[in-house]
């Protein structure tokens, strides 16, 4: 059996629980919004990095070309030194 004192406390406790729930939900919503913002920024950063890597890959020289060019220069230097002596 409930007394009048106990029945007055129940609505106050329910109101306190509702306030706590509202505050908790507001915190969760705020954190989710922050995570969404971070996710969008990360996606932009990834797209930027992918574009930069693609540009670097496009402008780099292939390794066999560098090796061949170095060999030609080495041969030219060797011939130049042999002709000079």
PDB file of N, CA and C in Angstrom:
ATOM      1  N   UNK A   1       0.822  -1.175   0.000  1.00  0.00           N
ATOM      2  CA  UNK A   1       0.000   0.000   0.000  1.00  0.00           C
ATOM      3  C   UNK A   1       0.870   1.244   0.000  1.00  0.00           C
ATOM      4  N   UNK A   2       0.432   2.222  -0.752  1.00  0.00           N
ATOM      5  CA  UNK A   2       1.185   3.466  -0.831  1.00  0.00           C
ATOM      6  C   UNK A   2       0.518   4.522   0.011  1.00  0.00           C
ATOM      7  N   UNK A   3       1.345   5.362   0.520  1.00  0.00           N
ATOM      8  CA  UNK A   3       0.815   6.485   1.300  1.00  0.00           C
ATOM      9  C   UNK A   3       0.845   7.720   0.427  1.00  0.00           C
ATOM     10  N   UNK A   4       0.256   8.773   0.935  1.00  0.00           N
ATOM     11  CA  UNK A   4       0.205  10.019   0.164  1.00  0.00           C
ATOM     12  C   UNK A   4       1.612  10.586  -0.077  1.00  0.00           C
ATOM     13  N   UNK A   5       2.520  10.396   0.861  1.00  0.00           N
ATOM     14  CA  UNK A   5       3.895  10.879   0.716  1.00  0.00           C
ATOM     15  C   UNK A   5       4.627  10.159  -0.396  1.00  0.00           C
ATOM     16  N   UNK A   6       4.408   8.857  -0.486  1.00  0.00           N
ATOM     17  CA  UNK A   6       5.071   8.085  -1.531  1.00  0.00           C
ATOM     18  C   UNK A   6       4.509   8.410  -2.911  1.00  0.00           C
ATOM     19  N   UNK A   7       3.217   8.635  -3.007  1.00  0.00           N
ATOM     20  CA  UNK A   7       2.617   8.940  -4.306  1.00  0.00           C
ATOM     21  C   UNK A   7       3.039  10.316  -4.801  1.00  0.00           C
ATOM     22  N   UNK A   8       3.418  11.221  -3.926  1.00  0.00           N
ATOM     23  CA  UNK A   8       3.903  12.537  -4.342  1.00  0.00           C
ATOM     24  C   UNK A   8       5.348  12.447  -4.835  1.00  0.00           C
ATOM     25  N   UNK A   9       6.112  11.496  -4.318  1.00  0.00           N
ATOM     26  CA  UNK A   9       7.518  11.348  -4.686  1.00  0.00           C
ATOM     27  C   UNK A   9       7.658  10.720  -6.076  1.00  0.00           C
ATOM     28  N   UNK A  10       6.761   9.841  -6.443  1.00  0.00           N
ATOM     29  CA  UNK A  10       6.853   9.125  -7.713  1.00  0.00           C
ATOM     30  C   UNK A  10       6.839  10.085  -8.907  1.00  0.00           C
ATOM     31  N   UNK A  11       5.920  11.045  -9.002  1.00  0.00           N
ATOM     32  CA  UNK A  11       5.956  11.964 -10.150  1.00  0.00           C
ATOM     33  C   UNK A  11       7.248  12.796 -10.180  1.00  0.00           C
ATOM     34  N   UNK A  12       7.776  13.154  -9.021  1.00  0.00           N
ATOM     35  CA  UNK A  12       9.015  13.925  -8.974  1.00  0.00           C
ATOM     36  C   UNK A  12      10.188  13.074  -9.473  1.00  0.00           C
ATOM     37  N   UNK A  13      10.195  11.810  -9.084  1.00  0.00           N
ATOM     38  CA  UNK A  13      11.261  10.918  -9.555  1.00  0.00           C
ATOM     39  C   UNK A  13      11.149  10.668 -11.051  1.00  0.00           C
ATOM     40  N   UNK A  14       9.905  10.521 -11.540  1.00  0.00           N
ATOM     41  CA  UNK A  14       9.706  10.360 -12.979  1.00  0.00           C
ATOM     42  C   UNK A  14      10.149  11.597 -13.745  1.00  0.00           C
ATOM     43  N   UNK A  15       9.862  12.756 -13.207  1.00  0.00           N
ATOM     44  CA  UNK A  15      10.288  13.996 -13.855  1.00  0.00           C
ATOM     45  C   UNK A  15      11.811  14.082 -13.874  1.00  0.00           C
ATOM     46  N   UNK A  16      12.457  13.677 -12.795  1.00  0.00           N
ATOM     47  CA  UNK A  16      13.917  13.688 -12.734  1.00  0.00           C
ATOM     48  C   UNK A  16      14.507  12.678 -13.740  1.00  0.00           C
ATOM     49  N   UNK A  17      13.891  11.516 -13.841  1.00  0.00           N
ATOM     50  CA  UNK A  17      14.340  10.529 -14.822  1.00  0.00           C
ATOM     51  C   UNK A  17      14.184  11.058 -16.253  1.00  0.00           C
ATOM     52  N   UNK A  18      13.070  11.736 -16.511  1.00  0.00           N
ATOM     53  CA  UNK A  18      12.869  12.311 -17.845  1.00  0.00           C
ATOM     54  C   UNK A  18      13.923  13.366 -18.157  1.00  0.00           C
ATOM     55  N   UNK A  19      14.233  14.221 -17.174  1.00  0.00           N
ATOM     56  CA  UNK A  19      15.265  15.242 -17.381  1.00  0.00           C
ATOM     57  C   UNK A  19      16.620  14.585 -17.641  1.00  0.00           C
ATOM     58  N   UNK A  20      16.934  13.570 -16.864  1.00  0.00           N
ATOM     59  CA  UNK A  20      18.208  12.861 -17.056  1.00  0.00           C
ATOM     60  C   UNK A  20      18.266  12.217 -18.443  1.00  0.00           C
ATOM     61  N   UNK A  21      17.162  11.631 -18.858  1.00  0.00           N
ATOM     62  CA  UNK A  21      17.095  11.020 -20.183  1.00  0.00           C
ATOM     63  C   UNK A  21      17.244  12.070 -21.269  1.00  0.00           C
ATOM     64  N   UNK A  22      16.582  13.212 -21.127  1.00  0.00           N
ATOM     65  CA  UNK A  22      16.700  14.285 -22.111  1.00  0.00           C
ATOM     66  C   UNK A  22      18.132  14.807 -22.194  1.00  0.00           C
ATOM     67  N   UNK A  23      18.781  14.975 -21.054  1.00  0.00           N
ATOM     68  CA  UNK A  23      20.169  15.441 -21.037  1.00  0.00           C
ATOM     69  C   UNK A  23      21.075  14.406 -21.691  1.00  0.00           C
ATOM     70  N   UNK A  24      20.868  13.162 -21.364  1.00  0.00           N
ATOM     71  CA  UNK A  24      21.674  12.097 -21.963  1.00  0.00           C
ATOM     72  C   UNK A  24      21.491  12.021 -23.467  1.00  0.00           C
ATOM     73  N   UNK A  25      20.261  12.126 -23.926  1.00  0.00           N
ATOM     74  CA  UNK A  25      19.995  12.103 -25.365  1.00  0.00           C
ATOM     75  C   UNK A  25      20.603  13.319 -26.060  1.00  0.00           C
ATOM     76  N   UNK A  26      20.553  14.466 -25.416  1.00  0.00           N
ATOM     77  CA  UNK A  26      21.169  15.663 -25.997  1.00  0.00           C
ATOM     78  C   UNK A  26      22.679  15.469 -26.124  1.00  0.00           C
ATOM     79  N   UNK A  27      23.306  14.862 -25.123  1.00  0.00           N
ATOM     80  CA  UNK A  27      24.747  14.604 -25.192  1.00  0.00           C
ATOM     81  C   UNK A  27      25.065  13.625 -26.326  1.00  0.00           C
ATOM     82  N   UNK A  28      24.270  12.572 -26.430  1.00  0.00           N
ATOM     83  CA  UNK A  28      24.486  11.589 -27.492  1.00  0.00           C
ATOM     84  C   UNK A  28      24.302  12.246 -28.862  1.00  0.00           C
ATOM     85  N   UNK A  29      23.266  13.068 -29.012  1.00  0.00           N
ATOM     86  CA  UNK A  29      23.039  13.763 -30.285  1.00  0.00           C
ATOM     87  C   UNK A  29      24.216  14.676 -30.620  1.00  0.00           C
ATOM     88  N   UNK A  30      24.725  15.378 -29.622  1.00  0.00           N
ATOM     89  CA  UNK A  30      25.869  16.260 -29.842  1.00  0.00           C
ATOM     90  C   UNK A  30      27.106  15.483 -30.257  1.00  0.00           C
ATOM     91  N   UNK A  31      27.339  14.366 -29.597  1.00  0.00           N
ATOM     92  CA  UNK A  31      28.503  13.553 -29.953  1.00  0.00           C
ATOM     93  C   UNK A  31      28.350  12.938 -31.336  1.00  0.00           C
ATOM     94  N   UNK A  32      27.141  12.510 -31.674  1.00  0.00           N
ATOM     95  CA  UNK A  32      26.911  11.974 -33.012  1.00  0.00           C
ATOM     96  C   UNK A  32      27.118  13.047 -34.079  1.00  0.00           C
ATOM     97  N   UNK A  33      26.665  14.257 -33.802  1.00  0.00           N
ATOM     98  CA  UNK A  33      26.874  15.356 -34.754  1.00  0.00           C
ATOM     99  C   UNK A  33      28.364  15.634 -34.925  1.00  0.00           C
ATOM    100  N   UNK A  34      29.102  15.605 -33.824  1.00  0.00           N
ATOM    101  CA  UNK A  34      30.548  15.823 -33.893  1.00  0.00           C
ATOM    102  C   UNK A  34      31.234  14.708 -34.677  1.00  0.00           C
ATOM    103  N   UNK A  35      30.831  13.466 -34.434  1.00  0.00           N
ATOM    104  CA  UNK A  35      31.401  12.343 -35.178  1.00  0.00           C
ATOM    105  C   UNK A  35      31.073  12.435 -36.670  1.00  0.00           C
ATOM    106  N   UNK A  36      29.877  12.869 -36.988  1.00  0.00           N
ATOM    107  CA  UNK A  36      29.489  13.047 -38.386  1.00  0.00           C
ATOM    108  C   UNK A  36      30.352  14.111 -39.047  1.00  0.00           C
ATOM    109  N   UNK A  37      30.575  15.206 -38.324  1.00  0.00           N
ATOM    110  CA  UNK A  37      31.418  16.277 -38.854  1.00  0.00           C
ATOM    111  C   UNK A  37      32.846  15.774 -39.074  1.00  0.00           C
ATOM    112  N   UNK A  38      33.379  15.029 -38.118  1.00  0.00           N
ATOM    113  CA  UNK A  38      34.724  14.479 -38.260  1.00  0.00           C
ATOM    114  C   UNK A  38      34.785  13.500 -39.439  1.00  0.00           C
ATOM    115  N   UNK A  39      33.755  12.695 -39.614  1.00  0.00           N
ATOM    116  CA  UNK A  39      33.704  11.744 -40.711  1.00  0.00           C
ATOM    117  C   UNK A  39      33.702  12.461 -42.055  1.00  0.00           C
ATOM    118  N   UNK A  40      32.921  13.535 -42.161  1.00  0.00           N
ATOM    119  CA  UNK A  40      32.879  14.298 -43.403  1.00  0.00           C
ATOM    120  C   UNK A  40      34.235  14.936 -43.691  1.00  0.00           C
ATOM    121  N   UNK A  41      34.883  15.479 -42.653  1.00  0.00           N
ATOM    122  CA  UNK A  41      36.200  16.083 -42.834  1.00  0.00           C
ATOM    123  C   UNK A  41      37.220  15.028 -43.253  1.00  0.00           C
ATOM    124  N   UNK A  42      37.145  13.857 -42.643  1.00  0.00           N
ATOM    125  CA  UNK A  42      38.064  12.774 -43.002  1.00  0.00           C
ATOM    126  C   UNK A  42      37.837  12.343 -44.448  1.00  0.00           C
ATOM    127  N   UNK A  43      36.596  12.267 -44.868  1.00  0.00           N
ATOM    128  CA  UNK A  43      36.292  11.895 -46.256  1.00  0.00           C
ATOM    129  C   UNK A  43      36.870  12.930 -47.219  1.00  0.00           C
ATOM    130  N   UNK A  44      36.767  14.217 -46.876  1.00  0.00           N
ATOM    131  CA  UNK A  44      37.353  15.258 -47.719  1.00  0.00           C
ATOM    132  C   UNK A  44      38.870  15.119 -47.763  1.00  0.00           C
ATOM    133  N   UNK A  45      39.479  14.844 -46.619  1.00  0.00           N
ATOM    134  CA  UNK A  45      40.929  14.678 -46.575  1.00  0.00           C
ATOM    135  C   UNK A  45      41.373  13.484 -47.417  1.00  0.00           C
ATOM    136  N   UNK A  46      40.618  12.394 -47.356  1.00  0.00           N
ATOM    137  CA  UNK A  46      40.952  11.204 -48.141  1.00  0.00           C
ATOM    138  C   UNK A  46      40.851  11.514 -49.634  1.00  0.00           C
ATOM    139  N   UNK A  47      39.812  12.222 -50.029  1.00  0.00           N
ATOM    140  CA  UNK A  47      39.661  12.580 -51.439  1.00  0.00           C
ATOM    141  C   UNK A  47      40.809  13.467 -51.898  1.00  0.00           C
ATOM    142  N   UNK A  48      41.211  14.415 -51.048  1.00  0.00           N
ATOM    143  CA  UNK A  48      42.325  15.296 -51.385  1.00  0.00           C
ATOM    144  C   UNK A  48      43.618  14.498 -51.528  1.00  0.00           C
ATOM    145  N   UNK A  49      43.854  13.592 -50.584  1.00  0.00           N
ATOM    146  CA  UNK A  49      45.065  12.780 -50.639  1.00  0.00           C
ATOM    147  C   UNK A  49      45.064  11.868 -51.865  1.00  0.00           C
ATOM    148  N   UNK A  50      43.928  11.297 -52.201  1.00  0.00           N
ATOM    149  CA  UNK A  50      43.847  10.449 -53.390  1.00  0.00           C
ATOM    150  C   UNK A  50      44.173  11.250 -54.644  1.00  0.00           C
ATOM    151  N   UNK A  51      43.679  12.478 -54.706  1.00  0.00           N
ATOM    152  CA  UNK A  51      43.974  13.324 -55.863  1.00  0.00           C
ATOM    153  C   UNK A  51      45.464  13.654 -55.921  1.00  0.00           C
ATOM    154  N   UNK A  52      46.058  13.943 -54.761  1.00  0.00           N
ATOM    155  CA  UNK A  52      47.487  14.255 -54.734  1.00  0.00           C
ATOM    156  C   UNK A  52      48.329  13.039 -55.125  1.00  0.00           C
ATOM    157  N   UNK A  53      47.965  11.870 -54.638  1.00  0.00           N
ATOM    158  CA  UNK A  53      48.705  10.651 -54.988  1.00  0.00           C
ATOM    159  C   UNK A  53      48.563  10.364 -56.483  1.00  0.00           C
ATOM    160  N   UNK A  54      47.378  10.536 -57.012  1.00  0.00           N
ATOM    161  CA  UNK A  54      47.175  10.310 -58.449  1.00  0.00           C
ATOM    162  C   UNK A  54      48.021  11.280 -59.259  1.00  0.00           C
ATOM    163  N   UNK A  55      48.094  12.536 -58.821  1.00  0.00           N
ATOM    164  CA  UNK A  55      48.921  13.520 -59.533  1.00  0.00           C
ATOM    165  C   UNK A  55      50.391  13.141 -59.448  1.00  0.00           C
ATOM    166  N   UNK A  56      50.836  12.693 -58.283  1.00  0.00           N
ATOM    167  CA  UNK A  56      52.228  12.277 -58.139  1.00  0.00           C
ATOM    168  C   UNK A  56      52.538  11.047 -58.994  1.00  0.00           C
ATOM    169  N   UNK A  57      51.632  10.098 -59.023  1.00  0.00           N
ATOM    170  CA  UNK A  57      51.843   8.904 -59.837  1.00  0.00           C
ATOM    171  C   UNK A  57      51.877   9.253 -61.319  1.00  0.00           C
ATOM    172  N   UNK A  58      51.090  10.237 -61.692  1.00  0.00           N
ATOM    173  CA  UNK A  58      51.030  10.613 -63.102  1.00  0.00           C
ATOM    174  C   UNK A  58      52.314  11.316 -63.533  1.00  0.00           C
ATOM    175  N   UNK A  59      52.917  12.098 -62.650  1.00  0.00           N
ATOM    176  CA  UNK A  59      54.096  12.886 -63.023  1.00  0.00           C
ATOM    177  C   UNK A  59      55.423  12.179 -62.762  1.00  0.00           C
ATOM    178  N   UNK A  60      55.409  11.061 -62.093  1.00  0.00           N
ATOM    179  CA  UNK A  60      56.681  10.392 -61.790  1.00  0.00           C
ATOM    180  C   UNK A  60      57.194   9.662 -63.016  1.00  0.00           C
ATOM    181  N   UNK A  61      58.498   9.488 -63.040  1.00  0.00           N
ATOM    182  CA  UNK A  61      59.125   8.759 -64.125  1.00  0.00           C
ATOM    183  C   UNK A  61      59.130   7.286 -63.788  1.00  0.00           C
ATOM    184  N   UNK A  62      58.889   6.444 -64.762  1.00  0.00           N
ATOM    185  CA  UNK A  62      58.966   4.999 -64.499  1.00  0.00           C
ATOM    186  C   UNK A  62      60.418   4.601 -64.208  1.00  0.00           C
ATOM    187  N   UNK A  63      60.599   3.664 -63.350  1.00  0.00           N
ATOM    188  CA  UNK A  63      61.932   3.230 -62.928  1.00  0.00           C
ATOM    189  C   UNK A  63      62.795   2.740 -64.094  1.00  0.00           C
ATOM    190  N   UNK A  64      62.289   1.961 -65.033  1.00  0.00           N
ATOM    191  CA  UNK A  64      63.139   1.536 -66.153  1.00  0.00           C
ATOM    192  C   UNK A  64      63.671   2.722 -66.967  1.00  0.00           C
ATOM    193  N   UNK A  65      62.891   3.778 -67.106  1.00  0.00           N
ATOM    194  CA  UNK A  65      63.347   4.954 -67.832  1.00  0.00           C
ATOM    195  C   UNK A  65      64.498   5.630 -67.104  1.00  0.00           C
ATOM    196  N   UNK A  66      64.390   5.721 -65.792  1.00  0.00           N
ATOM    197  CA  UNK A  66      65.458   6.316 -64.989  1.00  0.00           C
ATOM    198  C   UNK A  66      66.726   5.476 -65.088  1.00  0.00           C
ATOM    199  N   UNK A  67      66.581   4.171 -65.030  1.00  0.00           N
ATOM    200  CA  UNK A  67      67.738   3.276 -65.142  1.00  0.00           C
ATOM    201  C   UNK A  67      68.406   3.436 -66.510  1.00  0.00           C
ATOM    202  N   UNK A  68      67.628   3.464 -67.568  1.00  0.00           N
ATOM    203  CA  UNK A  68      68.185   3.611 -68.917  1.00  0.00           C
ATOM    204  C   UNK A  68      68.879   4.959 -69.068  1.00  0.00           C
ATOM    205  N   UNK A  69      68.270   6.010 -68.566  1.00  0.00           N
ATOM    206  CA  UNK A  69      68.871   7.343 -68.639  1.00  0.00           C
ATOM    207  C   UNK A  69      70.181   7.390 -67.863  1.00  0.00           C
ATOM    208  N   UNK A  70      70.208   6.788 -66.689  1.00  0.00           N
ATOM    209  CA  UNK A  70      71.438   6.736 -65.889  1.00  0.00           C
ATOM    210  C   UNK A  70      72.527   5.957 -66.606  1.00  0.00           C
ATOM    211  N   UNK A  71      72.167   4.873 -67.263  1.00  0.00           N
ATOM    212  CA  UNK A  71      73.145   4.070 -68.002  1.00  0.00           C
ATOM    213  C   UNK A  71      73.723   4.861 -69.161  1.00  0.00           C
ATOM    214  N   UNK A  72      72.891   5.580 -69.886  1.00  0.00           N
ATOM    215  CA  UNK A  72      73.362   6.393 -71.011  1.00  0.00           C
ATOM    216  C   UNK A  72      74.304   7.479 -70.509  1.00  0.00           C
ATOM    217  N   UNK A  73      73.962   8.127 -69.418  1.00  0.00           N
ATOM    218  CA  UNK A  73      74.832   9.159 -68.844  1.00  0.00           C
ATOM    219  C   UNK A  73      76.149   8.544 -68.387  1.00  0.00           C
ATOM    220  N   UNK A  74      76.113   7.381 -67.761  1.00  0.00           N
ATOM    221  CA  UNK A  74      77.337   6.724 -67.303  1.00  0.00           C
ATOM    222  C   UNK A  74      78.233   6.356 -68.484  1.00  0.00           C
ATOM    223  N   UNK A  75      77.641   5.867 -69.556  1.00  0.00           N
ATOM    224  CA  UNK A  75      78.415   5.531 -70.755  1.00  0.00           C
ATOM    225  C   UNK A  75      79.025   6.797 -71.365  1.00  0.00           C
ATOM    226  N   UNK A  76      78.234   7.860 -71.426  1.00  0.00           N
ATOM    227  CA  UNK A  76      78.734   9.125 -71.978  1.00  0.00           C
ATOM    228  C   UNK A  76      79.891   9.657 -71.148  1.00  0.00           C
ATOM    229  N   UNK A  77      79.801   9.581 -69.849  1.00  0.00           N
ATOM    230  CA  UNK A  77      80.888  10.039 -68.973  1.00  0.00           C
ATOM    231  C   UNK A  77      82.110   9.153 -69.166  1.00  0.00           C
ATOM    232  N   UNK A  78      81.931   7.871 -69.288  1.00  0.00           N
ATOM    233  CA  UNK A  78      83.057   6.954 -69.477  1.00  0.00           C
ATOM    234  C   UNK A  78      83.743   7.243 -70.804  1.00  0.00           C
ATOM    235  N   UNK A  79      82.979   7.476 -71.870  1.00  0.00           N
ATOM    236  CA  UNK A  79      83.567   7.785 -73.184  1.00  0.00           C
ATOM    237  C   UNK A  79      84.306   9.119 -73.112  1.00  0.00           C
ATOM    238  N   UNK A  80      83.700  10.088 -72.464  1.00  0.00           N
ATOM    239  CA  UNK A  80      84.315  11.413 -72.339  1.00  0.00           C
ATOM    240  C   UNK A  80      85.647  11.310 -71.589  1.00  0.00           C
ATOM    241  N   UNK A  81      85.668  10.533 -70.498  1.00  0.00           N
ATOM    242  CA  UNK A  81      86.906  10.352 -69.758  1.00  0.00           C
ATOM    243  C   UNK A  81      87.952   9.601 -70.576  1.00  0.00           C
ATOM    244  N   UNK A  82      87.534   8.611 -71.345  1.00  0.00           N
ATOM    245  CA  UNK A  82      88.467   7.833 -72.163  1.00  0.00           C
ATOM    246  C   UNK A  82      89.041   8.693 -73.293  1.00  0.00           C
ATOM    247  N   UNK A  83      88.254   9.560 -73.837  1.00  0.00           N
ATOM    248  CA  UNK A  83      88.718  10.418 -74.923  1.00  0.00           C
ATOM    249  C   UNK A  83      89.649  11.522 -74.398  1.00  0.00           C
ATOM    250  N   UNK A  84      89.431  11.923 -73.163  1.00  0.00           N
ATOM    251  CA  UNK A  84      90.240  12.989 -72.567  1.00  0.00           C
ATOM    252  C   UNK A  84      91.618  12.525 -72.190  1.00  0.00           C
ATOM    253  N   UNK A  85      91.860  11.278 -71.993  1.00  0.00           N
ATOM    254  CA  UNK A  85      93.169  10.767 -71.558  1.00  0.00           C
ATOM    255  C   UNK A  85      93.976  10.307 -72.670  1.00  0.00           C
TER     256      UNK A  85
END
